[in-house]
Amino acid sequence: GTFALSLASTLPSGLVEVGDLEIAISREQPRIEAKIDVKFLGGAANDVVVKSRLEVASDIRFSETYEAATVLGQSIDIPQAAQYSRDLYICYLDEDIMVVRDGSGVPEILTRKN
């Protein structure tokens, strides 16, 4: 989710406007669904959705692999050779906040949305 967000954020603001990122984590695979509203060339807002598989590697380490995306209403299964994958390390977790770091140490702070 944040990989796509950071990629979109590097584009000129006249080309792409990026909204807030929402991440849903479920019990069934693919467990992660990251959704963001994006406006291309000042047009109507469109949802960009990325679905990821989340595998438990240890008590504090998970492996996230992007499997599919939906852009402009078109669903795309990402070929296995092109799937982005990363390890996530849980640094802090309570009922409302989860802090994870990827392999480069960059933190992501996730808050529960009611």
Protein backbone atom coordinates (compact mmCIF):
# COMPACT_ATOMS: atom_id res chain seq x y z
CA GLY A 1 0.00 0.00 0.00
CA THR A 2 2.61 2.52 1.00
CA PHE A 3 4.82 1.46 -1.91
CA ALA A 4 2.12 2.52 -4.40
CA LEU A 5 1.44 5.68 -2.38
CA SER A 6 5.10 6.71 -2.41
CA LEU A 7 5.30 6.00 -6.14
CA ALA A 8 2.22 8.16 -6.86
CA SER A 9 3.57 10.92 -4.59
CA THR A 10 6.68 11.29 -6.77
CA LEU A 11 4.58 12.31 -9.79
CA PRO A 12 3.85 16.02 -10.40
CA SER A 13 0.75 17.21 -8.51
CA GLY A 14 -0.86 18.35 -11.78
CA LEU A 15 -0.84 14.77 -13.01
CA VAL A 16 -1.95 12.93 -9.88
CA GLU A 17 -3.68 13.97 -6.65
CA VAL A 18 -3.49 11.35 -3.92
CA GLY A 19 -6.05 10.99 -1.10
CA ASP A 20 -5.79 9.20 2.25
CA LEU A 21 -4.60 5.62 2.38
CA GLU A 22 -6.89 3.05 4.04
CA ILE A 23 -5.64 -0.43 4.87
CA ALA A 24 -7.95 -3.30 5.82
CA ILE A 25 -6.50 -6.47 7.34
CA SER A 26 -8.72 -9.56 7.33
CA ARG A 27 -8.39 -13.15 8.50
CA GLU A 28 -8.59 -14.66 4.99
CA GLN A 29 -6.03 -14.36 2.18
CA PRO A 30 -5.35 -12.03 0.57
CA ARG A 31 -5.33 -10.50 4.05
CA ILE A 32 -4.42 -6.92 3.17
CA GLU A 33 -6.40 -4.52 1.03
CA ALA A 34 -4.90 -1.06 0.62
CA LYS A 35 -7.17 1.55 -0.96
CA ILE A 36 -6.49 5.13 -1.97
CA ASP A 37 -8.45 7.73 -3.92
CA VAL A 38 -6.51 9.09 -6.86
CA LYS A 39 -7.38 11.86 -9.32
CA PHE A 40 -5.61 11.62 -12.67
CA LEU A 41 -5.15 14.91 -14.57
CA GLY A 42 -7.69 16.69 -12.35
CA GLY A 43 -10.50 14.33 -13.36
CA ALA A 44 -12.87 12.32 -11.19
CA ALA A 45 -11.55 10.44 -8.17
CA ASN A 46 -10.85 6.74 -8.72
CA ASP A 47 -10.05 4.06 -6.19
CA VAL A 48 -6.72 2.31 -6.58
CA VAL A 49 -6.78 -0.95 -4.63
CA VAL A 50 -3.83 -3.27 -3.96
CA LYS A 51 -4.39 -6.73 -2.45
CA SER A 52 -1.54 -8.42 -0.63
CA ARG A 53 -0.90 -11.80 0.93
CA LEU A 54 0.37 -11.60 4.51
CA GLU A 55 2.26 -14.61 5.85
CA VAL A 56 3.48 -15.04 9.43
CA ALA A 57 7.23 -15.69 9.51
CA SER A 58 7.74 -15.41 13.31
CA ASP A 59 6.20 -13.74 16.37
CA ILE A 60 7.26 -10.30 15.13
CA ARG A 61 7.96 -10.77 11.40
CA PHE A 62 5.51 -10.97 8.53
CA SER A 63 6.03 -11.28 4.79
CA GLU A 64 3.81 -9.14 2.55
CA THR A 65 3.45 -9.93 -1.17
CA TYR A 66 1.41 -7.81 -3.58
CA GLU A 67 -0.86 -10.14 -5.60
CA ALA A 68 -3.46 -8.00 -7.38
CA ALA A 69 -4.44 -4.43 -8.12
CA THR A 70 -7.54 -2.60 -9.29
CA VAL A 71 -6.97 0.60 -11.23
CA LEU A 72 -9.67 2.57 -13.07
CA GLY A 73 -12.10 -0.28 -12.38
CA GLN A 74 -9.87 -2.89 -14.01
CA SER A 75 -8.66 -5.76 -11.82
CA ILE A 76 -5.19 -7.08 -12.59
CA ASP A 77 -3.54 -10.18 -11.14
CA ILE A 78 0.15 -9.41 -10.76
CA PRO A 79 2.31 -12.14 -12.35
CA GLN A 80 4.38 -13.98 -9.75
CA ALA A 81 7.67 -12.83 -11.31
CA ALA A 82 6.58 -9.18 -10.96
CA GLN A 83 5.09 -9.37 -7.45
CA TYR A 84 6.61 -6.93 -4.95
CA SER A 85 7.43 -8.58 -1.61
CA ARG A 86 8.83 -7.26 1.67
CA ASP A 87 9.34 -8.30 5.28
CA LEU A 88 7.50 -6.34 7.97
CA TYR A 89 8.61 -6.23 11.59
CA ILE A 90 6.10 -5.42 14.34
CA CYS A 91 7.67 -2.79 16.62
CA TYR A 92 4.61 -1.86 18.68
CA LEU A 93 1.06 -3.16 18.92
CA ASP A 94 -1.94 -2.34 21.07
CA GLU A 95 -5.70 -2.23 20.46
CA ASP A 96 -5.54 1.04 18.48
CA ILE A 97 -2.02 1.39 17.04
CA MET A 98 0.41 -0.86 15.19
CA VAL A 99 3.89 0.29 14.23
CA VAL A 100 5.74 -1.79 11.64
CA ARG A 101 9.09 -1.34 9.93
CA ASP A 102 10.15 -2.80 6.63
CA GLY A 103 13.62 -4.20 5.91
CA SER A 104 15.03 -0.70 5.35
CA GLY A 105 13.82 0.43 8.78
CA VAL A 106 11.17 2.84 7.50
CA PRO A 107 8.30 2.94 10.03
CA GLU A 108 4.61 2.82 9.18
CA ILE A 109 2.12 3.82 11.86
CA LEU A 110 -1.30 2.24 11.42
CA THR A 111 -4.29 3.29 13.49
CA ARG A 112 -7.52 1.37 13.94
CA LYS A 113 -10.51 2.93 12.22
CA ASN A 114 -13.90 2.30 13.79
